[in-house]
C-alpha atoms as a PDB file:
ATOM      1  CA  MET A   1       5.890  -9.858  14.405  1.00  0.00           C
ATOM      2  CA  THR A   2       4.896 -10.445  10.804  1.00  0.00           C
ATOM      3  CA  LYS A   3       3.281  -7.197   9.851  1.00  0.00           C
ATOM      4  CA  MET A   4       4.199  -7.354   6.167  1.00  0.00           C
ATOM      5  CA  TYR A   5       1.279  -7.791   3.806  1.00  0.00           C
ATOM      6  CA  TYR A   6       3.083 -10.537   1.860  1.00  0.00           C
ATOM      7  CA  ALA A   7       3.439 -12.747   4.963  1.00  0.00           C
ATOM      8  CA  GLU A   8       1.266 -15.848   5.076  1.00  0.00           C
ATOM      9  CA  ASN A   9      -0.241 -15.085   8.478  1.00  0.00           C
ATOM     10  CA  PRO A  10       0.167 -11.457   9.571  1.00  0.00           C
ATOM     11  CA  ASP A  11      -0.207 -11.190  13.346  1.00  0.00           C
ATOM     12  CA  SER A  12      -0.717  -7.447  13.654  1.00  0.00           C
ATOM     13  CA  ASP A  13      -3.777  -6.439  15.678  1.00  0.00           C
ATOM     14  CA  HIS A  14      -6.980  -6.276  13.674  1.00  0.00           C
ATOM     15  CA  ASP A  15      -8.075  -2.825  12.574  1.00  0.00           C
ATOM     16  CA  ILE A  16     -11.127  -3.285  10.348  1.00  0.00           C
ATOM     17  CA  HIS A  17     -12.108  -0.448   8.002  1.00  0.00           C
ATOM     18  CA  GLU A  18     -14.806  -0.199   5.393  1.00  0.00           C
ATOM     19  CA  LEU A  19     -13.997   1.511   2.119  1.00  0.00           C
ATOM     20  CA  ASN A  20     -16.786   2.877  -0.063  1.00  0.00           C
ATOM     21  CA  VAL A  21     -15.287   3.372  -3.501  1.00  0.00           C
ATOM     22  CA  THR A  22     -16.216   3.736  -7.147  1.00  0.00           C
ATOM     23  CA  LEU A  23     -14.262   1.474  -9.495  1.00  0.00           C
ATOM     24  CA  LEU A  24     -14.946   1.169 -13.236  1.00  0.00           C
ATOM     25  CA  GLY A  25     -17.973   3.397 -12.718  1.00  0.00           C
ATOM     26  CA  GLU A  26     -19.617   1.116 -10.101  1.00  0.00           C
ATOM     27  CA  LYS A  27     -19.905   1.569  -6.351  1.00  0.00           C
ATOM     28  CA  PHE A  28     -18.246  -1.055  -4.122  1.00  0.00           C
ATOM     29  CA  ARG A  29     -17.843  -1.693  -0.406  1.00  0.00           C
ATOM     30  CA  PHE A  30     -14.662  -3.355   0.815  1.00  0.00           C
ATOM     31  CA  LEU A  31     -13.628  -4.433   4.297  1.00  0.00           C
ATOM     32  CA  THR A  32      -9.916  -4.001   4.946  1.00  0.00           C
ATOM     33  CA  ASP A  33      -7.701  -4.741   7.931  1.00  0.00           C
ATOM     34  CA  SER A  34      -4.180  -4.229   9.220  1.00  0.00           C
ATOM     35  CA  GLY A  35      -1.646  -6.657   7.758  1.00  0.00           C
ATOM     36  CA  VAL A  36      -3.032  -6.339   4.224  1.00  0.00           C
ATOM     37  CA  PHE A  37      -1.784  -4.155   1.386  1.00  0.00           C
ATOM     38  CA  SER A  38      -3.158  -0.613   1.088  1.00  0.00           C
ATOM     39  CA  LYS A  39      -5.835  -0.893   3.770  1.00  0.00           C
ATOM     40  CA  LYS A  40      -6.840   2.798   3.883  1.00  0.00           C
ATOM     41  CA  MET A  41      -7.710   3.190   0.195  1.00  0.00           C
ATOM     42  CA  ILE A  42      -7.505   1.427  -3.144  1.00  0.00           C
ATOM     43  CA  ASP A  43      -3.886   2.197  -4.036  1.00  0.00           C
ATOM     44  CA  PHE A  44      -3.203   4.351  -7.070  1.00  0.00           C
ATOM     45  CA  GLY A  45      -1.325   1.600  -8.935  1.00  0.00           C
ATOM     46  CA  SER A  46      -4.298  -0.769  -8.710  1.00  0.00           C
ATOM     47  CA  GLN A  47      -6.611   1.957 -10.000  1.00  0.00           C
ATOM     48  CA  VAL A  48      -4.342   2.689 -12.981  1.00  0.00           C
ATOM     49  CA  LEU A  49      -4.152  -1.055 -13.711  1.00  0.00           C
ATOM     50  CA  LEU A  50      -7.919  -1.476 -13.458  1.00  0.00           C
ATOM     51  CA  ASN A  51      -8.611   1.456 -15.768  1.00  0.00           C
ATOM     52  CA  SER A  52      -6.382   0.023 -18.477  1.00  0.00           C
ATOM     53  CA  LEU A  53      -8.019  -3.429 -18.573  1.00  0.00           C
ATOM     54  CA  GLU A  54     -10.794  -4.221 -21.025  1.00  0.00           C
ATOM     55  CA  PHE A  55     -11.838  -7.844 -20.958  1.00  0.00           C
ATOM     56  CA  GLU A  56     -14.664  -9.690 -22.657  1.00  0.00           C
ATOM     57  CA  LYS A  57     -17.550 -11.134 -20.683  1.00  0.00           C
ATOM     58  CA  GLY A  58     -16.891 -14.769 -19.724  1.00  0.00           C
ATOM     59  CA  GLU A  59     -13.110 -14.555 -20.101  1.00  0.00           C
ATOM     60  CA  THR A  60     -11.026 -16.085 -17.318  1.00  0.00           C
ATOM     61  CA  VAL A  61      -8.790 -13.888 -15.192  1.00  0.00           C
ATOM     62  CA  LEU A  62      -6.242 -14.870 -12.541  1.00  0.00           C
ATOM     63  CA  ASP A  63      -5.790 -12.027 -10.034  1.00  0.00           C
ATOM     64  CA  LEU A  64      -2.429 -12.866  -8.484  1.00  0.00           C
ATOM     65  CA  GLY A  65      -1.766 -11.258  -5.098  1.00  0.00           C
ATOM     66  CA  CYS A  66      -5.390 -10.163  -4.898  1.00  0.00           C
ATOM     67  CA  GLY A  67      -5.209  -8.652  -1.406  1.00  0.00           C
ATOM     68  CA  TYR A  68      -8.729  -7.902  -0.103  1.00  0.00           C
ATOM     69  CA  GLY A  69     -10.025  -8.207  -3.652  1.00  0.00           C
ATOM     70  CA  PRO A  70     -10.651  -4.882  -5.420  1.00  0.00           C
ATOM     71  CA  LEU A  71      -9.311  -5.928  -8.830  1.00  0.00           C
ATOM     72  CA  GLY A  72     -10.911  -9.344  -9.298  1.00  0.00           C
ATOM     73  CA  ILE A  73     -14.201  -8.353  -7.663  1.00  0.00           C
ATOM     74  CA  SER A  74     -14.689  -5.174  -9.691  1.00  0.00           C
ATOM     75  CA  LEU A  75     -13.671  -6.830 -12.998  1.00  0.00           C
ATOM     76  CA  SER A  76     -16.054  -9.675 -12.281  1.00  0.00           C
ATOM     77  CA  LYS A  77     -18.951  -7.368 -11.474  1.00  0.00           C
ATOM     78  CA  VAL A  78     -18.441  -4.757 -14.199  1.00  0.00           C
ATOM     79  CA  GLN A  79     -16.874  -6.690 -17.081  1.00  0.00           C
ATOM     80  CA  GLY A  80     -18.419 -10.076 -16.349  1.00  0.00           C
ATOM     81  CA  VAL A  81     -15.151 -12.037 -16.279  1.00  0.00           C
ATOM     82  CA  LYS A  82     -14.684 -15.314 -14.407  1.00  0.00           C
ATOM     83  CA  ALA A  83     -12.134 -14.336 -11.794  1.00  0.00           C
ATOM     84  CA  THR A  84      -9.828 -16.577  -9.783  1.00  0.00           C
ATOM     85  CA  MET A  85      -8.174 -14.682  -6.948  1.00  0.00           C
ATOM     86  CA  VAL A  86      -5.158 -15.830  -4.940  1.00  0.00           C
ATOM     87  CA  ASP A  87      -2.885 -14.369  -2.296  1.00  0.00           C
ATOM     88  CA  ILE A  88      -0.306 -15.780   0.127  1.00  0.00           C
ATOM     89  CA  ASN A  89      -1.865 -13.763   2.961  1.00  0.00           C
ATOM     90  CA  ASN A  90      -4.647 -15.674   4.751  1.00  0.00           C
ATOM     91  CA  ARG A  91      -6.052 -12.514   6.306  1.00  0.00           C
ATOM     92  CA  ALA A  92      -6.345 -10.946   2.828  1.00  0.00           C
ATOM     93  CA  ILE A  93      -8.060 -14.102   1.535  1.00  0.00           C
ATOM     94  CA  ASP A  94     -10.640 -13.999   4.362  1.00  0.00           C
ATOM     95  CA  LEU A  95     -11.367 -10.349   3.566  1.00  0.00           C
ATOM     96  CA  ALA A  96     -11.589 -11.018  -0.180  1.00  0.00           C
ATOM     97  CA  LYS A  97     -14.170 -13.764   0.449  1.00  0.00           C
ATOM     98  CA  GLN A  98     -16.248 -11.416   2.619  1.00  0.00           C
ATOM     99  CA  ASN A  99     -15.907  -8.623   0.058  1.00  0.00           C
ATOM    100  CA  ALA A 100     -17.045 -10.876  -2.793  1.00  0.00           C
ATOM    101  CA  GLN A 101     -20.216 -11.653  -0.792  1.00  0.00           C
ATOM    102  CA  ARG A 102     -20.781  -8.000   0.140  1.00  0.00           C
ATOM    103  CA  ASN A 103     -20.598  -7.010  -3.518  1.00  0.00           C
ATOM    104  CA  ASN A 104     -22.666  -9.982  -4.746  1.00  0.00           C
ATOM    105  CA  VAL A 105     -19.911 -11.393  -6.911  1.00  0.00           C
ATOM    106  CA  ASP A 106     -19.223 -15.067  -7.581  1.00  0.00           C
ATOM    107  CA  VAL A 107     -15.453 -15.536  -7.738  1.00  0.00           C
ATOM    108  CA  ASP A 108     -13.018 -18.308  -6.860  1.00  0.00           C
ATOM    109  CA  ILE A 109     -10.742 -17.232  -3.972  1.00  0.00           C
ATOM    110  CA  PHE A 110      -8.044 -19.303  -2.263  1.00  0.00           C
ATOM    111  CA  GLN A 111      -4.657 -19.077  -0.564  1.00  0.00           C
ATOM    112  CA  SER A 112      -1.638 -19.710  -2.766  1.00  0.00           C
ATOM    113  CA  ASN A 113       2.040 -18.776  -2.604  1.00  0.00           C
ATOM    114  CA  ILE A 114       2.299 -17.276  -6.102  1.00  0.00           C
ATOM    115  CA  TYR A 115       1.140 -20.121  -8.401  1.00  0.00           C
ATOM    116  CA  ASP A 116       1.564 -23.056  -5.954  1.00  0.00           C
ATOM    117  CA  GLN A 117      -2.138 -23.937  -5.706  1.00  0.00           C
ATOM    118  CA  VAL A 118      -3.230 -22.614  -9.106  1.00  0.00           C
ATOM    119  CA  GLU A 119      -4.436 -25.057 -11.749  1.00  0.00           C
ATOM    120  CA  GLY A 120      -5.505 -24.622 -15.350  1.00  0.00           C
ATOM    121  CA  LYS A 121      -4.971 -21.848 -17.853  1.00  0.00           C
ATOM    122  CA  PHE A 122      -6.459 -18.357 -18.104  1.00  0.00           C
ATOM    123  CA  ASN A 123      -7.146 -15.740 -20.757  1.00  0.00           C
ATOM    124  CA  HIS A 124      -5.532 -13.110 -18.535  1.00  0.00           C
ATOM    125  CA  VAL A 125      -3.198 -12.941 -15.540  1.00  0.00           C
ATOM    126  CA  ILE A 126      -3.149  -9.614 -13.701  1.00  0.00           C
ATOM    127  CA  SER A 127      -1.005  -8.537 -10.768  1.00  0.00           C
ATOM    128  CA  ASN A 128      -0.039  -5.556  -8.694  1.00  0.00           C
ATOM    129  CA  PRO A 129       3.039  -7.466  -7.536  1.00  0.00           C
ATOM    130  CA  PRO A 130       4.320  -7.225  -3.940  1.00  0.00           C
ATOM    131  CA  ILE A 131       7.390  -5.098  -4.665  1.00  0.00           C
ATOM    132  CA  ARG A 132       8.532  -5.268  -1.034  1.00  0.00           C
ATOM    133  CA  ALA A 133       8.721  -9.050  -1.245  1.00  0.00           C
ATOM    134  CA  GLY A 134      11.694  -8.494  -3.554  1.00  0.00           C
ATOM    135  CA  LYS A 135      12.677  -8.738  -7.187  1.00  0.00           C
ATOM    136  CA  GLN A 136      12.837 -12.537  -7.035  1.00  0.00           C
ATOM    137  CA  VAL A 137       9.101 -12.769  -6.280  1.00  0.00           C
ATOM    138  CA  VAL A 138       8.187 -10.208  -8.946  1.00  0.00           C
ATOM    139  CA  HIS A 139      10.272 -12.080 -11.518  1.00  0.00           C
ATOM    140  CA  ALA A 140       8.760 -15.433 -10.481  1.00  0.00           C
ATOM    141  CA  ILE A 141       5.278 -13.946 -11.095  1.00  0.00           C
ATOM    142  CA  ILE A 142       6.407 -12.959 -14.603  1.00  0.00           C
ATOM    143  CA  GLU A 143       8.366 -16.116 -15.473  1.00  0.00           C
ATOM    144  CA  GLU A 144       5.758 -18.629 -14.376  1.00  0.00           C
ATOM    145  CA  SER A 145       2.725 -16.742 -15.701  1.00  0.00           C
ATOM    146  CA  ILE A 146       3.296 -18.059 -19.217  1.00  0.00           C
ATOM    147  CA  ASN A 147       2.491 -21.594 -17.980  1.00  0.00           C
ATOM    148  CA  TYR A 148      -0.950 -20.412 -16.818  1.00  0.00           C
ATOM    149  CA  LEU A 149      -1.946 -18.529 -19.962  1.00  0.00           C
ATOM    150  CA  GLU A 150      -3.934 -19.798 -22.899  1.00  0.00           C
ATOM    151  CA  SER A 151      -2.379 -19.171 -26.308  1.00  0.00           C
ATOM    152  CA  GLY A 152      -3.122 -15.512 -27.061  1.00  0.00           C
ATOM    153  CA  GLY A 153      -3.575 -14.789 -23.359  1.00  0.00           C
ATOM    154  CA  ASP A 154      -1.772 -11.964 -21.605  1.00  0.00           C
ATOM    155  CA  LEU A 155      -0.021 -10.955 -18.406  1.00  0.00           C
ATOM    156  CA  THR A 156      -0.632  -7.372 -17.245  1.00  0.00           C
ATOM    157  CA  ILE A 157       1.164  -5.904 -14.232  1.00  0.00           C
ATOM    158  CA  VAL A 158       1.510  -2.482 -12.646  1.00  0.00           C
ATOM    159  CA  ILE A 159       4.895  -1.401 -11.361  1.00  0.00           C
ATOM    160  CA  GLN A 160       6.474   1.929 -10.516  1.00  0.00           C
ATOM    161  CA  LYS A 161       9.414   3.054 -12.587  1.00  0.00           C
ATOM    162  CA  LYS A 162      11.502   3.629  -9.461  1.00  0.00           C
ATOM    163  CA  GLN A 163      10.550   0.190  -8.104  1.00  0.00           C
ATOM    164  CA  GLY A 164      11.804  -1.739 -11.082  1.00  0.00           C
ATOM    165  CA  ALA A 165       9.570  -1.181 -14.117  1.00  0.00           C
ATOM    166  CA  PRO A 166      12.552  -1.286 -16.545  1.00  0.00           C
ATOM    167  CA  SER A 167      13.843  -4.617 -15.189  1.00  0.00           C
ATOM    168  CA  ALA A 168      10.309  -6.083 -15.075  1.00  0.00           C
ATOM    169  CA  LYS A 169       9.809  -5.027 -18.695  1.00  0.00           C
ATOM    170  CA  ALA A 170      13.102  -6.641 -19.702  1.00  0.00           C
ATOM    171  CA  LYS A 171      12.090  -9.851 -17.899  1.00  0.00           C
ATOM    172  CA  MET A 172       8.692  -9.878 -19.636  1.00  0.00           C
ATOM    173  CA  GLU A 173      10.380  -9.413 -23.023  1.00  0.00           C
ATOM    174  CA  GLU A 174      12.754 -12.267 -22.196  1.00  0.00           C
ATOM    175  CA  VAL A 175       9.920 -14.636 -21.178  1.00  0.00           C
ATOM    176  CA  PHE A 176       7.296 -13.719 -23.779  1.00  0.00           C
ATOM    177  CA  GLY A 177       9.335 -12.178 -26.593  1.00  0.00           C
ATOM    178  CA  ASN A 178       7.172  -9.045 -26.304  1.00  0.00           C
ATOM    179  CA  CYS A 179       6.084  -6.406 -23.821  1.00  0.00           C
ATOM    180  CA  GLN A 180       4.190  -3.195 -24.380  1.00  0.00           C
ATOM    181  CA  THR A 181       3.632  -0.290 -22.024  1.00  0.00           C
ATOM    182  CA  LEU A 182      -0.156   0.184 -22.032  1.00  0.00           C
ATOM    183  CA  LYS A 183      -0.095   3.269 -19.871  1.00  0.00           C
ATOM    184  CA  LYS A 184       2.160   5.496 -17.753  1.00  0.00           C
ATOM    185  CA  ASP A 185       0.668   7.564 -14.955  1.00  0.00           C
ATOM    186  CA  LYS A 186       2.593   9.370 -12.179  1.00  0.00           C
ATOM    187  CA  GLY A 187       5.521   6.973 -12.453  1.00  0.00           C
ATOM    188  CA  TYR A 188       3.339   3.852 -12.602  1.00  0.00           C
ATOM    189  CA  TYR A 189       3.781   1.661 -15.670  1.00  0.00           C
ATOM    190  CA  ILE A 190       1.179  -0.790 -16.934  1.00  0.00           C
ATOM    191  CA  LEU A 191       3.132  -3.534 -18.720  1.00  0.00           C
ATOM    192  CA  GLN A 192       1.542  -6.254 -20.835  1.00  0.00           C
ATOM    193  CA  SER A 193       2.959  -9.333 -22.552  1.00  0.00           C
ATOM    194  CA  VAL A 194       1.064 -11.752 -24.790  1.00  0.00           C
ATOM    195  CA  ARG A 195       1.617 -15.506 -25.014  1.00  0.00           C
ATOM    196  CA  GLU A 196       1.878 -15.765 -28.768  1.00  0.00           C
ATOM    197  CA  GLU A 197       2.321 -19.461 -29.450  1.00  0.00           C
END
């Protein structure tokens, strides 16, 4: 049985929930299901990440590992960004598409194993990386992000200290030559690197 949320096709029994939440000061409705990350609530790490992002209207954002869509959908609706949302999990992608419609948001959503299907460059890449998929996946998200960023663009991730924030920070410094901690909250670190060249 593939119950893990970072599997391509989770086969756990469906268990649809509807979340009514306020993100960035706006009300949203999200459908969630078993086999996707954090189905009972918007996880704390995602909320900390969201509250530390301030983007300009019309900027492009790649939401990597979007799950059922809270980050990309709320940023699109509230900050007016052009969001592209990808996840390896087909069930999450189906939910994200439904959630974009439910919240009247026009975003680009498709299945991709990390960056496999992603094309073009973005002003911002954001991710609440799938820690349980292992360090290799988290580091691949960091290493390859630079190829998908415009000059001056940034990668922002949320990661718990105990789940590898120091090693993720070191990897970001190695790849980008810089990394700042935007915020720390209850052991969650918001790390950001800028593509300077």
